[in-house]
Structure formats: structure tokens, C-alpha cells
Amino acid sequence: MALPPCFKPLSLPSPPGKHTLQLPISRRFSCTCSAVVYPESSSLSSSSVTQRPAVILPGLGNNTGDYQKLALTLQGYGVSSVVANVSRIDWLRNAAGLVDPNYWRGTLQPRPVLDWYLNRVDEAVNEALKQSQGGSLSIIGHSAGGWLARVYMEEFKHANISLLLTLGSPLQPPPKGLPGVIDQTRGLLDYVEKNCKKAVYTPELRYVCIAGRYIQGSRFFGNSNSEKSIPVVIEQSVSDVSIASDTSTLTPTGGNFRTRFVGQGYKQVCGQADVWGDGVVPEVSAHLEGALNVSLDGVYHSPVGSDDESRPWYGSPAVVEQWVHHLLN
């Protein structure tokens, strides 16, 4: 059973400015943020300072081992972490949804078909709570782990969770009624949208949604116009803050087989092929209204296939440097 979810088309804003932020590697990243920002310390932690622990939730098809390097990177900032115990073969459990009539109706619900994953999350959270000694903790959800974290927070209601940080997570259902678009979650993301609490960014609980802009898709028939296929950012009642923008390291649209293939994947998620994304999840789908939404240029979706340099993913050290401050007290 496929899980990657989707989004409703939103209006397109103007491209961000041209100010760049040089990183200590050969690539450059940019980020665009939108939310009400509360003051917090901007200094990074050293490994000698103990921060609140984090729980890392694997994405669809990933296993616990895929995130060990990310865990080591976070440890360098003083953030201990627990990765939910998931193997690749565990994901075959989702096939149980095929016998549920709601699967075929497109009205599938997370429980009971995903109880196995939610229980693994609960085990990891309880282990992290022991480390926090009654304090708060953060949840980092990669890909499907991001929206599954929302289900977990709704169902298990732990008051100790102070941050949900999603990495390339498809967070909303696909648009309905578009030709050639099929809800691969069979209603799971509809359920999340209707039944889980809305995203917030408050001192008590912060939602931070990070999207990657690694490659722009193109339509299967006809070339896209790169000047018109501009980044999409969630519209909010506050101003967008453009921290930096340098797309020189990104893979441009050329209407070739690769971009068309990627574009068809994007279309299943957000209803549009010629948009930017991380190679799997479109930028617009990885943002959530009410959250602090961040876009990072040059960032690939998965630890599988990433080499940290030419194809860094969300957990590569130089990329972690751009978002780790959200985990620090």
C-alpha cells in the first residue's frame, strides 16, 4: 500500500530575492520561511550542553539504520535521539489495508492498519521521555513519518512534546477531481486533515515544516516554462521572510525524461507536475498552514541515494546546520 500524500493547489508568489548565504561546503542553500516567529536563542549548542531529546520517525520504505548518521550529527549539537524501530519489511504490514473496504472507497483511516507504526513511535517516545527526565522532547518526522507523527500526537496525546519538525513530509491530501491524479494514501491524508489538530507555532508547541527544492518537474507532454514555474509557499496572514536565494545549484527544468518522470510523481502528490520539490515530495506539499514553513534549495528527499555533497538530503550535516537551531533550548 502506497502512503505518500498530497496537497491542494495554492496561488504562486513572486520568486525570492537574490541574497545568498555561503555555507562551509561547496554547495549553497536558501530558505524561505513564513510564520509568526517567537524570540529564541540563536546560538548553537555544543556537545557539552544537554538539549531536550528528539525522536526520529522513519519515512515510508526507510529503516532505523538509515537515520544513524543523522542521530550522530544531532549528538554533536548535544541533542540525544531515539530512532523508532522500523525495518523495511515492516512496511509490508500496510498491505492489511487491502482487505479494508475503506481502502477501495478512498476513505481509509490510520487505525488499525498503521497501529504497528504508531506503537513503534510510542516505544521510542517513552524511551526519549526517560532521557528527558520529565522534560519536553522533539519529534522529527521524515517523509510519511511527518504526518504519522500528527496521527500519533492526536491519538496518544503526550503533553511533553514541544516541537514537531517535519522533513520532506507530504502533509495534505491530493486535490480531488483532477484527471490522472489518484490518492495514493487512499484517504489517509483526508483523515489527517479532518481529524488532527491544526498546526501551530507557539512557545508551548511548535510546528516546523521543511521542504527541499532539489529538482523541478515538468509536464509529460510539452515543456514547462521555467519562468512561470516559480516556487510555491503557503499563504499566511503574516509576511514571508526570504533569508536567502541562490538557485544556481539546483537541477533546472529541461523537459527531459528525468524531469517528466519526477513531475508525474509530483502531480500525484499536489496535482501539478511543473513545480519544485525534493525529487519525491513537492515543495508546496511539505508545508502546512499555521506552521513555520522553510524551503531549502539543493536538498534531496531521502538518505538512500544521498552522498551528502552532490546530493545532500535533509539529514546531511550541512543541511542539519540550517535547521538544528529549532531543536535547541
Protein backbone atom coordinates (compact mmCIF):
# COMPACT_ATOMS: atom_id res chain seq x y z
CA MET A 1 0.00 0.00 0.00
CA ALA A 2 1.44 3.31 -1.02
CA LEU A 3 1.43 6.09 1.55
CA PRO A 4 2.92 9.28 0.05
CA PRO A 5 0.25 12.01 0.40
CA CYS A 6 -0.69 15.37 -1.13
CA PHE A 7 -1.96 18.91 -1.30
CA LYS A 8 -4.36 21.47 -2.72
CA PRO A 9 -3.03 23.86 -5.37
CA LEU A 10 -2.23 27.30 -3.97
CA SER A 11 -1.56 30.64 -5.59
CA LEU A 12 2.02 31.27 -6.71
CA PRO A 13 4.03 34.09 -5.08
CA SER A 14 6.85 36.08 -6.59
CA PRO A 15 10.29 34.45 -6.60
CA PRO A 16 12.50 35.24 -3.58
CA GLY A 17 15.35 37.74 -3.70
CA LYS A 18 18.97 37.16 -4.67
CA HIS A 19 20.75 37.41 -1.32
CA THR A 20 22.93 34.43 -0.67
CA LEU A 21 24.20 32.71 2.43
CA GLN A 22 27.56 30.96 1.96
CA LEU A 23 27.93 27.64 3.78
CA PRO A 24 31.21 25.96 4.70
CA ILE A 25 30.88 23.48 1.81
CA SER A 26 30.83 23.65 -1.95
CA ARG A 27 27.04 23.95 -2.19
CA ARG A 28 24.68 26.78 -1.27
CA PHE A 29 21.24 26.55 0.22
CA SER A 30 18.47 29.06 0.58
CA CYS A 31 15.41 29.10 2.72
CA THR A 32 12.07 30.85 2.65
CA CYS A 33 10.06 30.98 5.86
CA SER A 34 6.56 32.04 6.81
CA ALA A 35 5.06 32.11 10.30
CA VAL A 36 4.75 34.13 13.49
CA VAL A 37 8.22 33.80 14.98
CA TYR A 38 8.75 33.89 18.72
CA PRO A 39 12.11 35.02 20.10
CA GLU A 40 14.56 32.26 20.88
CA SER A 41 18.26 31.90 21.33
CA SER A 42 20.20 31.99 18.07
CA SER A 43 23.37 30.43 19.47
CA LEU A 44 24.05 26.80 18.65
CA SER A 45 24.79 24.21 21.26
CA SER A 46 27.99 22.37 21.85
CA SER A 47 28.06 18.69 22.69
CA SER A 48 28.72 19.58 26.34
CA VAL A 49 25.24 21.11 26.67
CA THR A 50 22.30 18.76 27.10
CA GLN A 51 19.29 19.65 24.96
CA ARG A 52 15.85 18.08 25.00
CA PRO A 53 15.96 14.66 23.28
CA ALA A 54 14.46 14.02 19.86
CA VAL A 55 12.52 11.10 18.42
CA ILE A 56 13.22 10.39 14.74
CA LEU A 57 10.41 8.80 12.73
CA PRO A 58 11.42 6.96 9.52
CA GLY A 59 9.67 7.62 6.23
CA LEU A 60 7.93 5.11 4.00
CA GLY A 61 10.32 2.31 2.99
CA ASN A 62 13.10 3.53 5.26
CA ASN A 63 14.51 1.68 8.26
CA THR A 64 16.09 2.66 11.55
CA GLY A 65 19.63 2.34 10.21
CA ASP A 66 19.04 5.00 7.56
CA TYR A 67 18.99 7.64 10.31
CA GLN A 68 22.01 6.65 12.39
CA LYS A 69 24.24 9.27 10.76
CA LEU A 70 21.58 11.94 11.43
CA ALA A 71 21.47 10.81 15.07
CA LEU A 72 25.26 11.16 15.32
CA THR A 73 25.11 14.63 13.77
CA LEU A 74 22.48 15.72 16.28
CA GLN A 75 24.59 14.32 19.11
CA GLY A 76 27.30 16.76 18.09
CA TYR A 77 24.88 19.56 18.99
CA GLY A 78 24.07 17.98 22.33
CA VAL A 79 20.77 16.52 21.13
CA SER A 80 20.33 12.85 22.01
CA SER A 81 17.88 10.99 19.82
CA VAL A 82 15.88 7.78 19.60
CA VAL A 83 15.03 6.39 16.17
CA ALA A 84 11.76 4.46 16.02
CA ASN A 85 12.45 0.77 15.48
CA VAL A 86 11.32 0.15 11.90
CA SER A 87 12.65 -2.29 9.29
CA ARG A 88 11.99 -2.15 5.56
CA ILE A 89 9.98 -5.35 5.66
CA ASP A 90 7.73 -3.86 8.35
CA TRP A 91 6.15 -1.64 5.71
CA LEU A 92 4.59 -4.73 4.13
CA ARG A 93 2.22 -4.70 7.09
CA ASN A 94 0.40 -1.88 5.33
CA ALA A 95 -0.93 -4.45 2.88
CA ALA A 96 -3.51 -5.24 5.57
CA GLY A 97 -5.34 -2.18 4.33
CA LEU A 98 -6.19 -4.00 1.11
CA VAL A 99 -8.82 -6.09 2.92
CA ASP A 100 -10.48 -2.98 4.33
CA PRO A 101 -13.43 -1.84 2.17
CA ASN A 102 -12.48 1.76 3.00
CA TYR A 103 -9.27 1.29 1.01
CA TRP A 104 -11.24 0.80 -2.18
CA ARG A 105 -13.61 3.64 -1.31
CA GLY A 106 -10.71 6.00 -0.69
CA THR A 107 -11.79 6.54 2.92
CA LEU A 108 -9.07 4.54 4.70
CA GLN A 109 -8.23 5.53 8.29
CA PRO A 110 -4.81 5.23 10.00
CA ARG A 111 -6.07 2.80 12.61
CA PRO A 112 -5.88 -0.15 12.77
CA VAL A 113 -3.80 -0.54 9.59
CA LEU A 114 -0.96 1.65 10.92
CA ASP A 115 -1.14 0.63 14.58
CA TRP A 116 2.14 -1.24 14.18
CA TYR A 117 3.93 2.03 13.29
CA LEU A 118 2.19 4.10 15.95
CA ASN A 119 3.19 1.55 18.60
CA ARG A 120 6.83 1.78 17.48
CA VAL A 121 6.59 5.57 17.77
CA ASP A 122 5.16 5.23 21.28
CA GLU A 123 8.02 2.97 22.33
CA ALA A 124 10.56 5.49 21.04
CA VAL A 125 8.77 8.40 22.71
CA ASN A 126 8.69 6.61 26.06
CA GLU A 127 12.42 5.91 25.80
CA ALA A 128 13.11 9.57 25.00
CA LEU A 129 10.94 10.67 27.93
CA LYS A 130 13.19 8.66 30.25
CA GLN A 131 16.16 10.58 28.86
CA SER A 132 14.38 13.89 29.33
CA GLN A 133 13.65 13.07 33.00
CA GLY A 134 10.21 14.57 32.83
CA GLY A 135 11.14 17.38 30.47
CA SER A 136 9.96 18.03 26.94
CA LEU A 137 11.08 16.35 23.72
CA SER A 138 11.05 16.95 19.98
CA ILE A 139 9.72 14.77 17.20
CA ILE A 140 11.45 14.74 13.81
CA GLY A 141 9.29 13.13 11.15
CA HIS A 142 10.85 12.33 7.78
CA SER A 143 8.55 11.91 4.78
CA ALA A 144 5.47 9.88 5.81
CA GLY A 145 6.81 9.99 9.36
CA GLY A 146 5.78 13.64 9.49
CA TRP A 147 2.05 13.13 9.03
CA LEU A 148 2.14 9.90 11.02
CA ALA A 149 3.56 11.99 13.86
CA ARG A 150 0.43 14.13 13.68
CA VAL A 151 -1.71 11.00 13.99
CA TYR A 152 0.38 9.85 16.93
CA MET A 153 0.08 13.20 18.70
CA GLU A 154 -3.69 13.12 18.22
CA GLU A 155 -4.14 9.54 19.39
CA PHE A 156 -1.60 9.29 22.23
CA LYS A 157 -1.74 12.90 23.47
CA HIS A 158 1.68 13.31 25.13
CA ALA A 159 1.90 16.76 26.73
CA ASN A 160 5.71 16.56 26.77
CA ILE A 161 6.07 17.09 23.01
CA SER A 162 7.12 20.69 22.40
CA LEU A 163 8.21 20.51 18.74
CA LEU A 164 7.18 18.65 15.61
CA LEU A 165 9.75 19.14 12.86
CA THR A 166 8.94 17.53 9.51
CA LEU A 167 11.46 16.85 6.76
CA GLY A 168 10.04 16.50 3.26
CA SER A 169 6.70 15.26 4.57
CA PRO A 170 3.65 15.29 2.28
CA LEU A 171 1.24 16.88 4.71
CA GLN A 172 -2.09 17.34 2.94
CA PRO A 173 -4.37 15.24 0.72
CA PRO A 174 -4.15 15.44 -3.06
CA PRO A 175 -6.68 17.63 -4.86
CA LYS A 176 -9.79 15.79 -5.90
CA GLY A 177 -11.26 15.58 -9.36
CA LEU A 178 -8.08 16.20 -11.37
CA PRO A 179 -7.55 13.85 -14.33
CA GLY A 180 -4.71 11.40 -13.77
CA VAL A 181 -4.40 12.12 -10.03
CA ILE A 182 -5.02 9.20 -7.69
CA ASP A 183 -4.90 9.47 -3.91
CA GLN A 184 -2.10 7.05 -3.13
CA THR A 185 -2.94 7.18 0.58
CA ARG A 186 -6.49 6.00 -0.14
CA GLY A 187 -7.96 8.61 2.18
CA LEU A 188 -5.37 8.58 4.96
CA LEU A 189 -4.38 12.20 4.40
CA ASP A 190 -8.02 13.27 4.21
CA TYR A 191 -8.43 11.74 7.66
CA VAL A 192 -5.37 13.56 9.00
CA GLU A 193 -6.58 16.89 7.63
CA LYS A 194 -10.05 16.50 9.13
CA ASN A 195 -9.21 14.86 12.46
CA CYS A 196 -5.78 16.05 13.60
CA LYS A 197 -5.25 19.36 15.35
CA LYS A 198 -4.19 22.25 13.16
CA ALA A 199 -0.54 23.21 13.01
CA VAL A 200 0.59 25.95 15.38
CA TYR A 201 3.77 27.82 16.16
CA THR A 202 3.65 28.83 19.81
CA PRO A 203 6.17 28.77 22.66
CA GLU A 204 4.46 25.65 24.03
CA LEU A 205 4.24 23.69 20.78
CA ARG A 206 5.96 24.50 17.52
CA TYR A 207 5.38 23.00 14.11
CA VAL A 208 8.32 23.47 11.71
CA CYS A 209 7.88 22.09 8.19
CA ILE A 210 10.96 21.89 5.98
CA ALA A 211 10.75 21.38 2.22
CA GLY A 212 13.54 20.68 -0.25
CA ARG A 213 13.99 22.27 -3.68
CA TYR A 214 16.25 19.79 -5.46
CA ILE A 215 14.65 19.38 -8.89
CA GLN A 216 11.80 20.97 -10.79
CA GLY A 217 9.40 18.62 -12.51
CA SER A 218 7.95 19.11 -15.97
CA ARG A 219 4.76 18.10 -17.70
CA PHE A 220 4.68 14.80 -19.53
CA PHE A 221 3.52 16.45 -22.73
CA GLY A 222 5.16 19.72 -23.70
CA ASN A 223 7.94 21.63 -22.00
CA SER A 224 7.32 23.71 -18.91
CA ASN A 225 8.17 27.38 -18.87
CA SER A 226 10.78 27.73 -16.14
CA GLU A 227 9.97 31.42 -15.76
CA LYS A 228 6.37 30.62 -14.89
CA SER A 229 7.09 27.59 -12.71
CA ILE A 230 8.05 29.60 -9.67
CA PRO A 231 8.28 28.38 -6.05
CA VAL A 232 5.04 27.91 -4.11
CA VAL A 233 4.89 28.94 -0.47
CA ILE A 234 1.94 28.55 1.89
CA GLU A 235 -0.07 31.77 2.09
CA GLN A 236 -0.41 33.05 5.63
CA SER A 237 -1.59 36.17 7.34
CA VAL A 238 1.98 37.19 8.13
CA SER A 239 4.78 38.31 5.86
CA ASP A 240 7.12 35.81 4.24
CA VAL A 241 10.76 36.18 5.24
CA SER A 242 13.26 35.45 2.48
CA ILE A 243 16.52 34.60 4.19
CA ALA A 244 18.46 33.68 1.06
CA SER A 245 18.02 32.58 -2.50
CA ASP A 246 20.54 31.11 -4.90
CA THR A 247 19.15 28.50 -7.28
CA SER A 248 22.39 28.08 -9.21
CA THR A 249 23.00 24.66 -7.66
CA LEU A 250 19.53 23.33 -8.44
CA THR A 251 18.62 20.93 -11.22
CA PRO A 252 16.84 23.07 -13.85
CA THR A 253 13.76 22.14 -15.83
CA GLY A 254 14.60 20.94 -19.31
CA GLY A 255 11.59 18.84 -20.19
CA ASN A 256 13.75 15.70 -20.36
CA PHE A 257 12.78 12.19 -19.27
CA ARG A 258 14.03 12.71 -15.73
CA THR A 259 12.07 15.90 -15.06
CA ARG A 260 8.95 14.45 -16.66
CA PHE A 261 9.23 11.32 -14.55
CA VAL A 262 9.71 13.41 -11.40
CA GLY A 263 6.88 15.70 -12.49
CA GLN A 264 4.45 12.80 -12.72
CA GLY A 265 5.34 11.89 -9.15
CA TYR A 266 4.79 15.46 -8.03
CA LYS A 267 1.43 15.54 -9.84
CA GLN A 268 0.17 12.56 -7.82
CA VAL A 269 1.05 14.44 -4.66
CA CYS A 270 -0.07 18.01 -5.35
CA GLY A 271 -1.89 17.92 -8.69
CA GLN A 272 0.78 19.82 -10.61
CA ALA A 273 3.85 18.48 -12.41
CA ASP A 274 5.93 21.60 -13.16
CA VAL A 275 6.75 22.56 -9.58
CA TRP A 276 9.89 22.40 -7.44
CA GLY A 277 10.41 19.64 -4.93
CA ASP A 278 12.95 17.32 -3.34
CA GLY A 279 12.64 14.69 -6.07
CA VAL A 280 9.75 12.90 -4.34
CA VAL A 281 7.61 15.43 -2.46
CA PRO A 282 6.70 18.83 -3.98
CA GLU A 283 7.70 21.91 -2.02
CA VAL A 284 4.11 23.04 -1.61
CA SER A 285 3.06 19.67 -0.16
CA ALA A 286 5.76 19.72 2.52
CA HIS A 287 4.40 22.95 4.03
CA LEU A 288 1.45 23.29 6.37
CA GLU A 289 -0.67 26.32 7.12
CA GLY A 290 -0.05 27.58 10.65
CA ALA A 291 3.47 26.13 10.87
CA LEU A 292 6.84 27.77 10.41
CA ASN A 293 7.46 26.75 6.79
CA VAL A 294 11.02 26.60 5.49
CA SER A 295 12.35 25.78 2.00
CA LEU A 296 15.95 24.75 1.42
CA ASP A 297 17.49 24.77 -2.05
CA GLY A 298 19.51 21.79 -3.27
CA VAL A 299 18.10 19.31 -0.74
CA TYR A 300 17.17 15.77 -1.82
CA HIS A 301 14.38 13.71 -0.26
CA SER A 302 15.94 10.54 1.09
CA PRO A 303 19.05 9.29 2.92
CA VAL A 304 19.00 6.41 0.41
CA GLY A 305 20.85 7.70 -2.64
CA SER A 306 22.32 10.73 -0.87
CA ASP A 307 26.07 11.31 -0.73
CA ASP A 308 25.95 14.46 1.45
CA GLU A 309 27.89 16.53 -1.12
CA SER A 310 26.50 16.44 -4.65
CA ARG A 311 23.13 15.18 -3.41
CA PRO A 312 22.61 16.17 0.24
CA TRP A 313 19.39 15.14 1.95
CA TYR A 314 17.62 16.71 4.94
CA GLY A 315 19.85 14.83 7.37
CA SER A 316 23.20 15.65 5.76
CA PRO A 317 25.45 17.59 8.17
CA ALA A 318 25.47 20.84 6.17
CA VAL A 319 21.68 20.76 5.86
CA VAL A 320 21.12 19.88 9.53
CA GLU A 321 23.10 23.00 10.34
CA GLN A 322 20.30 25.03 8.74
CA TRP A 323 17.51 23.66 10.93
CA VAL A 324 19.06 22.25 14.11
CA HIS A 325 18.53 25.53 15.98
CA HIS A 326 14.83 24.62 16.22
CA LEU A 327 15.81 21.69 18.47
CA LEU A 328 17.98 23.72 20.84
CA ASN A 329 16.61 25.15 24.08
